[in-house]
């Protein structure tokens, strides 16, 4: 074969060129490393979003603080017309209802329709609703909760010189002294008489000392709609040679002698014989055991040396 190609110069050159190309190709292939394609990475599980921080049961969050509780009705408060109540069944959001008691003493609730509630307490109404829901086959063992959100039917209004004036809900028969005690008692500026005004407009003045120390006949019961008013005590004025001049409330059996004592007594230069009283713009003389009247101005003069 080689001899044959040598006799034909053109074929020899072509064969030589082809051999050279083949050699170059073989050398280049030997320089390329034998790499294998990496296997596809295993699919990674999706990264879950960080869970929101949980709060212990019963702990309020900062974004939704619990509303401060106002003055609620006492446990034995009897529901009346225009009161607002809220009823719900544990775990049953579709039953939760807030409603105002209508003039006929009823409210409308899911499944039960119009339900008479006037005269019930929160506890008795919860039992009543649970029994009706069981009897109707709506819930097997309903846990019913009733709250009196707003009470406007059974309360007494307390005004004047008491430490906590306002509305006092009544859940039983209360006497005037008990209502005043619930209102924080009388202020130091309060009078010794209490005015009780009934819902029909009639009024009666009561002696506070008799209310506190007397029997039931001197301490009447209050009813829904009544008003208890403690007026400001009437005053007298004392100036001059006393240790504590000023304005003082007139208490029972306030005499000139007690008025001087109320003013801290006489100073060393004061004289009990130079005491003047101004009443209704006129100057009068009083003995030590004469009564002081509202608006009197007592002036103690200096003794003569």
C-alpha atoms as a PDB file:
ATOM      1  CA  UNK A   1       0.000   0.000   0.000  1.00  0.00           C
ATOM      2  CA  UNK A   2       2.781   2.380   0.986  1.00  0.00           C
ATOM      3  CA  UNK A   3       4.595   1.495  -2.284  1.00  0.00           C
ATOM      4  CA  UNK A   4       1.422   2.169  -4.177  1.00  0.00           C
ATOM      5  CA  UNK A   5       1.010   5.634  -2.630  1.00  0.00           C
ATOM      6  CA  UNK A   6       4.645   6.538  -3.266  1.00  0.00           C
ATOM      7  CA  UNK A   7       4.160   5.897  -6.995  1.00  0.00           C
ATOM      8  CA  UNK A   8       1.254   8.436  -6.920  1.00  0.00           C
ATOM      9  CA  UNK A   9       2.605  11.624  -5.327  1.00  0.00           C
ATOM     10  CA  UNK A  10      -0.847  13.282  -5.005  1.00  0.00           C
ATOM     11  CA  UNK A  11      -2.418  10.387  -3.137  1.00  0.00           C
ATOM     12  CA  UNK A  12       0.593  10.222  -0.835  1.00  0.00           C
ATOM     13  CA  UNK A  13       0.256  13.865   0.108  1.00  0.00           C
ATOM     14  CA  UNK A  14      -3.472  13.515   0.794  1.00  0.00           C
ATOM     15  CA  UNK A  15      -2.932  10.435   2.965  1.00  0.00           C
ATOM     16  CA  UNK A  16      -0.128  12.159   4.886  1.00  0.00           C
ATOM     17  CA  UNK A  17      -2.359  15.219   5.575  1.00  0.00           C
ATOM     18  CA  UNK A  18      -5.225  13.054   6.779  1.00  0.00           C
ATOM     19  CA  UNK A  19      -2.942  11.175   9.160  1.00  0.00           C
ATOM     20  CA  UNK A  20      -1.673  14.442  10.622  1.00  0.00           C
ATOM     21  CA  UNK A  21      -5.177  15.735  11.218  1.00  0.00           C
ATOM     22  CA  UNK A  22      -6.139  12.487  12.933  1.00  0.00           C
ATOM     23  CA  UNK A  23      -3.115  12.755  15.196  1.00  0.00           C
ATOM     24  CA  UNK A  24      -3.947  16.305  16.200  1.00  0.00           C
ATOM     25  CA  UNK A  25      -7.505  15.350  16.954  1.00  0.00           C
ATOM     26  CA  UNK A  26      -6.387  12.421  19.104  1.00  0.00           C
ATOM     27  CA  UNK A  27      -3.947  14.652  21.057  1.00  0.00           C
ATOM     28  CA  UNK A  28      -6.573  17.349  21.706  1.00  0.00           C
ATOM     29  CA  UNK A  29      -9.023  14.803  22.982  1.00  0.00           C
ATOM     30  CA  UNK A  30      -6.464  13.453  25.406  1.00  0.00           C
ATOM     31  CA  UNK A  31      -6.091  16.953  26.974  1.00  0.00           C
ATOM     32  CA  UNK A  32      -9.761  17.298  27.937  1.00  0.00           C
ATOM     33  CA  UNK A  33     -10.344  15.840  31.425  1.00  0.00           C
ATOM     34  CA  UNK A  34     -12.970  13.170  31.694  1.00  0.00           C
ATOM     35  CA  UNK A  35     -15.550  15.126  33.714  1.00  0.00           C
ATOM     36  CA  UNK A  36     -19.017  13.955  34.474  1.00  0.00           C
ATOM     37  CA  UNK A  37     -21.852  16.377  34.934  1.00  0.00           C
ATOM     38  CA  UNK A  38     -22.756  16.787  38.577  1.00  0.00           C
ATOM     39  CA  UNK A  39     -25.954  15.117  39.621  1.00  0.00           C
ATOM     40  CA  UNK A  40     -28.815  17.514  40.134  1.00  0.00           C
ATOM     41  CA  UNK A  41     -29.079  18.639  43.744  1.00  0.00           C
ATOM     42  CA  UNK A  42     -31.844  17.080  45.735  1.00  0.00           C
ATOM     43  CA  UNK A  43     -34.893  19.259  46.023  1.00  0.00           C
ATOM     44  CA  UNK A  44     -34.760  21.230  49.248  1.00  0.00           C
ATOM     45  CA  UNK A  45     -37.885  21.480  51.377  1.00  0.00           C
ATOM     46  CA  UNK A  46     -39.440  24.929  51.315  1.00  0.00           C
ATOM     47  CA  UNK A  47     -38.338  27.136  54.181  1.00  0.00           C
ATOM     48  CA  UNK A  48     -41.269  27.705  56.471  1.00  0.00           C
ATOM     49  CA  UNK A  49     -41.996  31.252  57.577  1.00  0.00           C
ATOM     50  CA  UNK A  50     -41.080  31.888  61.191  1.00  0.00           C
ATOM     51  CA  UNK A  51     -43.996  31.213  63.444  1.00  0.00           C
ATOM     52  CA  UNK A  52     -45.509  34.144  65.286  1.00  0.00           C
ATOM     53  CA  UNK A  53     -44.550  34.225  68.941  1.00  0.00           C
ATOM     54  CA  UNK A  54     -47.163  32.640  71.086  1.00  0.00           C
ATOM     55  CA  UNK A  55     -48.531  34.175  74.268  1.00  0.00           C
ATOM     56  CA  UNK A  56     -49.415  32.281  77.400  1.00  0.00           C
ATOM     57  CA  UNK A  57     -53.083  31.590  77.790  1.00  0.00           C
ATOM     58  CA  UNK A  58     -54.816  34.487  79.450  1.00  0.00           C
ATOM     59  CA  UNK A  59     -52.054  37.025  78.709  1.00  0.00           C
ATOM     60  CA  UNK A  60     -53.127  40.047  76.686  1.00  0.00           C
ATOM     61  CA  UNK A  61     -51.147  41.213  73.692  1.00  0.00           C
ATOM     62  CA  UNK A  62     -49.806  44.718  73.402  1.00  0.00           C
ATOM     63  CA  UNK A  63     -51.733  45.420  70.228  1.00  0.00           C
ATOM     64  CA  UNK A  64     -55.098  44.512  71.682  1.00  0.00           C
ATOM     65  CA  UNK A  65     -55.175  45.327  75.373  1.00  0.00           C
ATOM     66  CA  UNK A  66     -58.225  44.401  77.316  1.00  0.00           C
ATOM     67  CA  UNK A  67     -60.603  47.259  77.901  1.00  0.00           C
ATOM     68  CA  UNK A  68     -60.660  48.421  81.490  1.00  0.00           C
ATOM     69  CA  UNK A  69     -63.685  47.169  83.347  1.00  0.00           C
ATOM     70  CA  UNK A  70     -66.151  49.754  84.441  1.00  0.00           C
ATOM     71  CA  UNK A  71     -68.482  49.677  87.342  1.00  0.00           C
ATOM     72  CA  UNK A  72     -70.530  46.552  86.753  1.00  0.00           C
ATOM     73  CA  UNK A  73     -73.821  45.462  88.156  1.00  0.00           C
ATOM     74  CA  UNK A  74     -73.654  43.371  91.341  1.00  0.00           C
ATOM     75  CA  UNK A  75     -74.210  39.624  91.175  1.00  0.00           C
ATOM     76  CA  UNK A  76     -77.824  39.756  92.315  1.00  0.00           C
ATOM     77  CA  UNK A  77     -78.861  42.631  90.048  1.00  0.00           C
ATOM     78  CA  UNK A  78     -82.282  42.090  88.447  1.00  0.00           C
ATOM     79  CA  UNK A  79     -82.463  42.768  84.739  1.00  0.00           C
ATOM     80  CA  UNK A  80     -84.914  45.460  83.721  1.00  0.00           C
ATOM     81  CA  UNK A  81     -86.153  47.376  80.701  1.00  0.00           C
ATOM     82  CA  UNK A  82     -83.436  49.182  78.697  1.00  0.00           C
ATOM     83  CA  UNK A  83     -80.628  47.205  80.317  1.00  0.00           C
ATOM     84  CA  UNK A  84     -78.072  45.875  77.813  1.00  0.00           C
ATOM     85  CA  UNK A  85     -77.059  42.250  78.206  1.00  0.00           C
ATOM     86  CA  UNK A  86     -74.687  39.973  76.318  1.00  0.00           C
ATOM     87  CA  UNK A  87     -75.275  36.230  76.007  1.00  0.00           C
ATOM     88  CA  UNK A  88     -73.002  33.653  74.420  1.00  0.00           C
ATOM     89  CA  UNK A  89     -72.410  29.902  74.358  1.00  0.00           C
ATOM     90  CA  UNK A  90     -68.865  28.633  74.865  1.00  0.00           C
ATOM     91  CA  UNK A  91     -67.375  27.653  71.507  1.00  0.00           C
ATOM     92  CA  UNK A  92     -70.413  28.796  69.506  1.00  0.00           C
ATOM     93  CA  UNK A  93     -69.654  32.196  68.007  1.00  0.00           C
ATOM     94  CA  UNK A  94     -72.891  32.218  66.016  1.00  0.00           C
ATOM     95  CA  UNK A  95     -74.958  32.490  69.213  1.00  0.00           C
ATOM     96  CA  UNK A  96     -73.200  35.479  70.773  1.00  0.00           C
ATOM     97  CA  UNK A  97     -75.654  38.367  71.026  1.00  0.00           C
ATOM     98  CA  UNK A  98     -75.717  41.804  72.658  1.00  0.00           C
ATOM     99  CA  UNK A  99     -79.188  43.266  72.996  1.00  0.00           C
ATOM    100  CA  UNK A 100     -81.184  45.885  74.887  1.00  0.00           C
ATOM    101  CA  UNK A 101     -84.174  44.726  76.885  1.00  0.00           C
ATOM    102  CA  UNK A 102     -87.338  45.895  75.168  1.00  0.00           C
ATOM    103  CA  UNK A 103     -90.314  47.513  76.854  1.00  0.00           C
ATOM    104  CA  UNK A 104     -92.040  44.120  77.108  1.00  0.00           C
ATOM    105  CA  UNK A 105     -89.076  42.711  79.059  1.00  0.00           C
ATOM    106  CA  UNK A 106     -87.754  40.460  76.270  1.00  0.00           C
ATOM    107  CA  UNK A 107     -84.726  40.170  74.012  1.00  0.00           C
ATOM    108  CA  UNK A 108     -84.338  38.239  70.771  1.00  0.00           C
ATOM    109  CA  UNK A 109     -81.723  35.471  70.631  1.00  0.00           C
ATOM    110  CA  UNK A 110     -80.645  33.063  67.873  1.00  0.00           C
ATOM    111  CA  UNK A 111     -82.733  29.847  67.713  1.00  0.00           C
ATOM    112  CA  UNK A 112     -84.814  30.879  70.741  1.00  0.00           C
ATOM    113  CA  UNK A 113     -86.509  33.997  69.427  1.00  0.00           C
ATOM    114  CA  UNK A 114     -88.007  36.402  71.975  1.00  0.00           C
ATOM    115  CA  UNK A 115     -87.023  35.380  75.500  1.00  0.00           C
ATOM    116  CA  UNK A 116     -88.427  37.051  78.659  1.00  0.00           C
ATOM    117  CA  UNK A 117     -85.501  38.313  80.744  1.00  0.00           C
ATOM    118  CA  UNK A 118     -86.949  40.993  82.997  1.00  0.00           C
ATOM    119  CA  UNK A 119     -86.476  40.173  86.667  1.00  0.00           C
ATOM    120  CA  UNK A 120     -83.746  37.606  86.007  1.00  0.00           C
ATOM    121  CA  UNK A 121     -80.198  37.818  87.305  1.00  0.00           C
ATOM    122  CA  UNK A 122     -77.207  37.058  85.092  1.00  0.00           C
ATOM    123  CA  UNK A 123     -76.870  33.619  86.690  1.00  0.00           C
ATOM    124  CA  UNK A 124     -80.545  32.667  86.531  1.00  0.00           C
ATOM    125  CA  UNK A 125     -80.829  33.828  82.920  1.00  0.00           C
ATOM    126  CA  UNK A 126     -77.773  31.760  81.923  1.00  0.00           C
ATOM    127  CA  UNK A 127     -79.411  28.657  83.438  1.00  0.00           C
ATOM    128  CA  UNK A 128     -82.690  29.470  81.723  1.00  0.00           C
ATOM    129  CA  UNK A 129     -81.082  29.832  78.298  1.00  0.00           C
ATOM    130  CA  UNK A 130     -79.053  26.635  78.718  1.00  0.00           C
ATOM    131  CA  UNK A 131     -82.220  24.694  79.555  1.00  0.00           C
ATOM    132  CA  UNK A 132     -84.033  26.055  76.495  1.00  0.00           C
ATOM    133  CA  UNK A 133     -81.129  25.262  74.184  1.00  0.00           C
ATOM    134  CA  UNK A 134     -80.974  21.691  75.466  1.00  0.00           C
ATOM    135  CA  UNK A 135     -84.734  21.227  75.249  1.00  0.00           C
ATOM    136  CA  UNK A 136     -84.759  22.489  71.658  1.00  0.00           C
ATOM    137  CA  UNK A 137     -81.975  20.122  70.657  1.00  0.00           C
ATOM    138  CA  UNK A 138     -79.662  22.900  69.541  1.00  0.00           C
ATOM    139  CA  UNK A 139     -76.745  22.013  71.828  1.00  0.00           C
ATOM    140  CA  UNK A 140     -76.210  18.922  73.943  1.00  0.00           C
ATOM    141  CA  UNK A 141     -74.384  20.526  76.858  1.00  0.00           C
ATOM    142  CA  UNK A 142     -74.335  24.288  76.309  1.00  0.00           C
ATOM    143  CA  UNK A 143     -72.218  26.410  78.633  1.00  0.00           C
ATOM    144  CA  UNK A 144     -74.006  29.753  78.622  1.00  0.00           C
ATOM    145  CA  UNK A 145     -72.563  33.002  79.927  1.00  0.00           C
ATOM    146  CA  UNK A 146     -74.608  36.154  80.491  1.00  0.00           C
ATOM    147  CA  UNK A 147     -73.182  39.577  81.314  1.00  0.00           C
ATOM    148  CA  UNK A 148     -75.077  42.759  82.135  1.00  0.00           C
ATOM    149  CA  UNK A 149     -73.162  45.249  80.014  1.00  0.00           C
ATOM    150  CA  UNK A 150     -75.188  48.352  80.896  1.00  0.00           C
ATOM    151  CA  UNK A 151     -77.645  48.724  83.743  1.00  0.00           C
ATOM    152  CA  UNK A 152     -80.133  51.576  83.591  1.00  0.00           C
ATOM    153  CA  UNK A 153     -83.255  50.200  85.212  1.00  0.00           C
ATOM    154  CA  UNK A 154     -82.392  49.440  88.844  1.00  0.00           C
ATOM    155  CA  UNK A 155     -80.182  52.067  90.396  1.00  0.00           C
ATOM    156  CA  UNK A 156     -80.180  54.915  92.897  1.00  0.00           C
ATOM    157  CA  UNK A 157     -78.558  58.267  92.128  1.00  0.00           C
ATOM    158  CA  UNK A 158     -76.279  59.598  94.882  1.00  0.00           C
ATOM    159  CA  UNK A 159     -75.265  63.251  94.657  1.00  0.00           C
ATOM    160  CA  UNK A 160     -73.724  65.986  96.754  1.00  0.00           C
ATOM    161  CA  UNK A 161     -71.114  65.821  99.482  1.00  0.00           C
ATOM    162  CA  UNK A 162     -70.224  62.136  99.296  1.00  0.00           C
ATOM    163  CA  UNK A 163     -66.847  60.684  98.391  1.00  0.00           C
ATOM    164  CA  UNK A 164     -68.067  58.809  95.316  1.00  0.00           C
ATOM    165  CA  UNK A 165     -71.143  60.389  93.772  1.00  0.00           C
ATOM    166  CA  UNK A 166     -72.871  58.598  90.903  1.00  0.00           C
ATOM    167  CA  UNK A 167     -75.149  55.673  90.164  1.00  0.00           C
ATOM    168  CA  UNK A 168     -75.448  52.869  92.684  1.00  0.00           C
ATOM    169  CA  UNK A 169     -77.014  49.687  91.231  1.00  0.00           C
ATOM    170  CA  UNK A 170     -79.308  47.876  93.629  1.00  0.00           C
ATOM    171  CA  UNK A 171     -79.721  44.122  93.682  1.00  0.00           C
ATOM    172  CA  UNK A 172     -81.764  43.937  96.872  1.00  0.00           C
ATOM    173  CA  UNK A 173     -83.491  46.194  99.388  1.00  0.00           C
ATOM    174  CA  UNK A 174     -81.007  48.841 100.537  1.00  0.00           C
ATOM    175  CA  UNK A 175     -81.486  51.510 103.185  1.00  0.00           C
ATOM    176  CA  UNK A 176     -80.328  55.108 102.843  1.00  0.00           C
ATOM    177  CA  UNK A 177     -77.395  54.591 105.205  1.00  0.00           C
ATOM    178  CA  UNK A 178     -76.200  51.612 103.139  1.00  0.00           C
ATOM    179  CA  UNK A 179     -76.362  53.578  99.890  1.00  0.00           C
ATOM    180  CA  UNK A 180     -74.351  56.416 101.453  1.00  0.00           C
ATOM    181  CA  UNK A 181     -71.811  53.882 102.720  1.00  0.00           C
ATOM    182  CA  UNK A 182     -71.499  52.393  99.234  1.00  0.00           C
ATOM    183  CA  UNK A 183     -70.875  55.914  97.921  1.00  0.00           C
ATOM    184  CA  UNK A 184     -67.888  56.249 100.244  1.00  0.00           C
ATOM    185  CA  UNK A 185     -69.592  58.077 103.095  1.00  0.00           C
ATOM    186  CA  UNK A 186     -69.933  61.806 103.723  1.00  0.00           C
ATOM    187  CA  UNK A 187     -67.213  64.347 103.093  1.00  0.00           C
ATOM    188  CA  UNK A 188     -66.078  66.655 105.855  1.00  0.00           C
ATOM    189  CA  UNK A 189     -68.021  69.418 104.100  1.00  0.00           C
ATOM    190  CA  UNK A 190     -71.264  67.439 104.101  1.00  0.00           C
ATOM    191  CA  UNK A 191     -74.302  68.515 106.072  1.00  0.00           C
ATOM    192  CA  UNK A 192     -75.919  66.452 108.804  1.00  0.00           C
ATOM    193  CA  UNK A 193     -79.145  66.168 106.828  1.00  0.00           C
ATOM    194  CA  UNK A 194     -79.806  63.932 103.835  1.00  0.00           C
ATOM    195  CA  UNK A 195     -82.528  64.574 101.269  1.00  0.00           C
ATOM    196  CA  UNK A 196     -84.268  61.479  99.861  1.00  0.00           C
ATOM    197  CA  UNK A 197     -86.285  62.157  96.705  1.00  0.00           C
ATOM    198  CA  UNK A 198     -88.544  59.386  95.488  1.00  0.00           C
ATOM    199  CA  UNK A 199     -89.139  58.546  91.859  1.00  0.00           C
ATOM    200  CA  UNK A 200     -92.568  60.219  92.077  1.00  0.00           C
ATOM    201  CA  UNK A 201     -90.986  63.546  93.102  1.00  0.00           C
ATOM    202  CA  UNK A 202     -91.789  63.525  96.833  1.00  0.00           C
ATOM    203  CA  UNK A 203     -88.927  64.411  99.181  1.00  0.00           C
ATOM    204  CA  UNK A 204     -88.072  63.904 102.826  1.00  0.00           C
ATOM    205  CA  UNK A 205     -85.203  65.254 104.959  1.00  0.00           C
ATOM    206  CA  UNK A 206     -83.416  62.729 107.132  1.00  0.00           C
ATOM    207  CA  UNK A 207     -81.059  63.242 110.051  1.00  0.00           C
ATOM    208  CA  UNK A 208     -77.731  61.605 109.274  1.00  0.00           C
ATOM    209  CA  UNK A 209     -77.043  60.752 112.924  1.00  0.00           C
ATOM    210  CA  UNK A 210     -80.386  58.970 113.169  1.00  0.00           C
ATOM    211  CA  UNK A 211     -79.682  57.176 109.914  1.00  0.00           C
ATOM    212  CA  UNK A 212     -76.432  55.859 111.338  1.00  0.00           C
ATOM    213  CA  UNK A 213     -77.617  55.083 114.851  1.00  0.00           C
ATOM    214  CA  UNK A 214     -81.400  54.716 114.664  1.00  0.00           C
ATOM    215  CA  UNK A 215     -83.629  51.793 113.809  1.00  0.00           C
ATOM    216  CA  UNK A 216     -85.320  50.794 110.550  1.00  0.00           C
ATOM    217  CA  UNK A 217     -88.061  53.391 110.993  1.00  0.00           C
ATOM    218  CA  UNK A 218     -85.483  56.192 110.834  1.00  0.00           C
ATOM    219  CA  UNK A 219     -83.529  54.630 107.955  1.00  0.00           C
ATOM    220  CA  UNK A 220     -85.967  54.060 105.062  1.00  0.00           C
ATOM    221  CA  UNK A 221     -85.380  51.719 102.149  1.00  0.00           C
ATOM    222  CA  UNK A 222     -84.568  53.087  98.715  1.00  0.00           C
ATOM    223  CA  UNK A 223     -86.106  51.963  95.450  1.00  0.00           C
ATOM    224  CA  UNK A 224     -85.028  52.109  91.832  1.00  0.00           C
ATOM    225  CA  UNK A 225     -85.172  55.665  90.562  1.00  0.00           C
ATOM    226  CA  UNK A 226     -84.714  57.319  93.966  1.00  0.00           C
ATOM    227  CA  UNK A 227     -82.184  60.102  94.532  1.00  0.00           C
ATOM    228  CA  UNK A 228     -80.080  60.607  97.653  1.00  0.00           C
ATOM    229  CA  UNK A 229     -78.640  64.101  98.024  1.00  0.00           C
ATOM    230  CA  UNK A 230     -76.213  65.245 100.711  1.00  0.00           C
ATOM    231  CA  UNK A 231     -76.093  69.067 100.710  1.00  0.00           C
ATOM    232  CA  UNK A 232     -73.089  71.104 101.682  1.00  0.00           C
ATOM    233  CA  UNK A 233     -73.041  72.027 105.345  1.00  0.00           C
ATOM    234  CA  UNK A 234     -74.025  75.572 106.275  1.00  0.00           C
ATOM    235  CA  UNK A 235     -71.096  77.685 107.444  1.00  0.00           C
ATOM    236  CA  UNK A 236     -70.064  80.408 109.845  1.00  0.00           C
ATOM    237  CA  UNK A 237     -66.994  82.637 109.786  1.00  0.00           C
ATOM    238  CA  UNK A 238     -64.610  83.442 112.609  1.00  0.00           C
ATOM    239  CA  UNK A 239     -61.804  86.046 112.572  1.00  0.00           C
ATOM    240  CA  UNK A 240     -59.734  88.134 114.922  1.00  0.00           C
ATOM    241  CA  UNK A 241     -57.807  86.929 117.929  1.00  0.00           C
ATOM    242  CA  UNK A 242     -58.255  83.170 117.425  1.00  0.00           C
ATOM    243  CA  UNK A 243     -55.610  80.609 116.613  1.00  0.00           C
ATOM    244  CA  UNK A 244     -57.315  79.210 113.495  1.00  0.00           C
ATOM    245  CA  UNK A 245     -59.490  81.820 111.805  1.00  0.00           C
ATOM    246  CA  UNK A 246     -61.488  80.710 108.776  1.00  0.00           C
ATOM    247  CA  UNK A 247     -64.750  79.204 107.541  1.00  0.00           C
ATOM    248  CA  UNK A 248     -66.299  76.254 109.383  1.00  0.00           C
ATOM    249  CA  UNK A 249     -69.318  74.021 108.976  1.00  0.00           C
ATOM    250  CA  UNK A 250     -72.130  74.408 111.455  1.00  0.00           C
ATOM    251  CA  UNK A 251     -72.727  71.139 113.269  1.00  0.00           C
ATOM    252  CA  UNK A 252     -75.561  70.251 115.602  1.00  0.00           C
ATOM    253  CA  UNK A 253     -75.844  72.417 118.719  1.00  0.00           C
ATOM    254  CA  UNK A 254     -73.200  74.833 117.482  1.00  0.00           C
ATOM    255  CA  UNK A 255     -72.967  77.543 120.171  1.00  0.00           C
ATOM    256  CA  UNK A 256     -70.679  80.537 120.447  1.00  0.00           C
ATOM    257  CA  UNK A 257     -68.514  78.603 122.861  1.00  0.00           C
ATOM    258  CA  UNK A 258     -68.125  75.746 120.390  1.00  0.00           C
ATOM    259  CA  UNK A 259     -67.500  78.199 117.576  1.00  0.00           C
ATOM    260  CA  UNK A 260     -64.568  79.687 119.473  1.00  0.00           C
ATOM    261  CA  UNK A 261     -63.223  76.202 120.095  1.00  0.00           C
ATOM    262  CA  UNK A 262     -63.655  75.372 116.397  1.00  0.00           C
ATOM    263  CA  UNK A 263     -61.502  78.398 115.630  1.00  0.00           C
ATOM    264  CA  UNK A 264     -58.673  77.020 117.729  1.00  0.00           C
ATOM    265  CA  UNK A 265     -59.439  79.023 120.845  1.00  0.00           C
ATOM    266  CA  UNK A 266     -58.382  82.539 121.782  1.00  0.00           C
ATOM    267  CA  UNK A 267     -54.877  83.838 121.305  1.00  0.00           C
ATOM    268  CA  UNK A 268     -53.045  85.230 124.366  1.00  0.00           C
ATOM    269  CA  UNK A 269     -54.219  88.696 123.403  1.00  0.00           C
ATOM    270  CA  UNK A 270     -57.820  87.675 122.678  1.00  0.00           C
ATOM    271  CA  UNK A 271     -60.709  88.502 125.004  1.00  0.00           C
ATOM    272  CA  UNK A 272     -63.944  86.525 125.377  1.00  0.00           C
ATOM    273  CA  UNK A 273     -65.579  89.808 126.498  1.00  0.00           C
ATOM    274  CA  UNK A 274     -64.804  91.508 123.225  1.00  0.00           C
ATOM    275  CA  UNK A 275     -66.550  89.109 120.866  1.00  0.00           C
ATOM    276  CA  UNK A 276     -68.848  90.593 118.225  1.00  0.00           C
ATOM    277  CA  UNK A 277     -71.267  88.729 115.951  1.00  0.00           C
ATOM    278  CA  UNK A 278     -72.499  90.066 112.650  1.00  0.00           C
ATOM    279  CA  UNK A 279     -75.794  88.507 111.516  1.00  0.00           C
ATOM    280  CA  UNK A 280     -77.562  89.577 108.347  1.00  0.00           C
ATOM    281  CA  UNK A 281     -75.524  92.771 108.310  1.00  0.00           C
ATOM    282  CA  UNK A 282     -76.320  93.739 111.882  1.00  0.00           C
ATOM    283  CA  UNK A 283     -74.039  93.525 114.906  1.00  0.00           C
ATOM    284  CA  UNK A 284     -75.455  91.545 117.821  1.00  0.00           C
ATOM    285  CA  UNK A 285     -74.316  90.262 121.204  1.00  0.00           C
ATOM    286  CA  UNK A 286     -74.429  86.571 122.132  1.00  0.00           C
ATOM    287  CA  UNK A 287     -73.805  84.676 125.309  1.00  0.00           C
ATOM    288  CA  UNK A 288     -71.403  81.758 125.236  1.00  0.00           C
ATOM    289  CA  UNK A 289     -74.188  79.154 125.075  1.00  0.00           C
ATOM    290  CA  UNK A 290     -76.308  80.966 122.473  1.00  0.00           C
ATOM    291  CA  UNK A 291     -76.574  79.209 119.105  1.00  0.00           C
ATOM    292  CA  UNK A 292     -74.633  80.195 116.018  1.00  0.00           C
ATOM    293  CA  UNK A 293     -76.674  80.462 112.819  1.00  0.00           C
ATOM    294  CA  UNK A 294     -75.624  79.992 109.200  1.00  0.00           C
ATOM    295  CA  UNK A 295     -73.761  82.965 107.827  1.00  0.00           C
ATOM    296  CA  UNK A 296     -72.804  84.417 111.203  1.00  0.00           C
ATOM    297  CA  UNK A 297     -69.476  86.259 111.338  1.00  0.00           C
ATOM    298  CA  UNK A 298     -67.657  86.022 114.672  1.00  0.00           C
ATOM    299  CA  UNK A 299     -64.928  88.577 115.367  1.00  0.00           C
ATOM    300  CA  UNK A 300     -62.789  88.294 118.512  1.00  0.00           C
ATOM    301  CA  UNK A 301     -61.178  91.521 119.704  1.00  0.00           C
ATOM    302  CA  UNK A 302     -58.034  92.146 121.740  1.00  0.00           C
ATOM    303  CA  UNK A 303     -58.065  92.387 125.506  1.00  0.00           C
ATOM    304  CA  UNK A 304     -57.378  95.737 127.167  1.00  0.00           C
ATOM    305  CA  UNK A 305     -54.168  95.932 129.196  1.00  0.00           C
END
